[in-house]
Amino acid sequence: MDKHQVAQPALPVGLLLSEAVNQEYAKQFDEIAKRIGVPVQRYTINEVQGKIDQINAAFFSRDLYDGSSLHEPGPSSNAFFQIVDKASQLTWLHVCSSGLDLPQYQETIRKGIRITTSSGSTALPIAQTTLAAILALSRGFGHWLPAQARKDWAPLTGEALPADIETQHVIIAGAGAIGLTLGSMLLAVGFKVTIVRRNATPIPPFVNVIDYTGLDHALGQCHWLVLALPLNEQTHGLIDQRRLALMPAHARIANVGRGALIDESALIQALSQGHIAGAYLDTFMREPLPTSSAFWTLPNVWITPHNSAASAGHGQRVVRIFEREYERWLTKQRTTLAG
């Protein structure tokens, strides 16, 4: 990793923002800077040409991500990072995402520049979306909605009746904000919940907490497996053909983490052959999901286009997190300047 060398900041320090964020939040940002006692010059993408070497901090806000996918930055994102990657005096970048695996971040990471994330900003809407999918599929909407499309009056009866929620067991792999928020919701509805994390230390209100050595045994007793964990060397391909084979035929999978957590070919085979009952998938190995993917046409799969976090308040939550980090960064700048 290259060590990014910058000079001591000059006053005012420069902050790169999107046009929309600058227009809506300029007054709030200026008040924070005034309270900390560090003069700040705000720049937008359209104003910064010829002044890139005056940028010390940058905020990749949610509006700049629009038009992007996980692996393909959109036009606004590209325009922003073309500036960021040339900013020789940049010391801090705040991003709207929870993870750092987006390709546009990699140059900043390579340079060793400090990056802060908006971890937690999407936890509640993702948990709500996942809860909605789990409840809907657990209660029979996977049968009723296609029947409605066929204009078929087809009540669930006999062996097709759904299992009572109180008898259903959900395994959540991942003890971050999304997993724990979803787990609390599921407990409130009546599901049994087991949390899987690196160590088996209980996390109130969860009594059933296991580490990954216990995952294989737990899979054989689950109705749902929820993947809500980051992608890394340890989690890549966590759910492979062998582990899918451990799951009961009535079990379903929800993936709101990363597509590469699952062997997609093995999952398609398990779904096609009825080895598991279904899946709710929000993320995939390739995004956008190619039209040739079998996932699109499998009748027991529900898809959202990496959009389970969709929420009108998302951008504002990201700004609130940025403001906290902005205060910390300005306080550090004040100390540096005073020294």
Foldseek 3Di string as FASTA:
>chain_A
DAAQDADQADPQAEEEEAPVCCVPCVVVLCVLLVVLVHHYDYDYLVRCVVPLLRHAEYEAFPVLQPPAAQAGGGPSLVSRLVSVLPHSNYQEYEYAAQDQNRPSNVSVVVNVHHYHYLPPLLQVLLLVLVVVVVVCVQQQVLPVVVCVVVVHPDDQDDPRGGDDQLQAEEEEEDDGSNRVNNVVVSVVVRHHYAYEDCDQDDDPPHPHYHYPVCLLVVQLRHQEYEYAHEDDPVQFQCAELVSLLSHALNHEYEYLYEARSHPVVSVLVCLVVSRHQAYEYEYHPDPPPDPPDPLVPRSRYHYDPSCSSDDPCSRVSSVVVVSVVSSVVSNVSVVSVVD
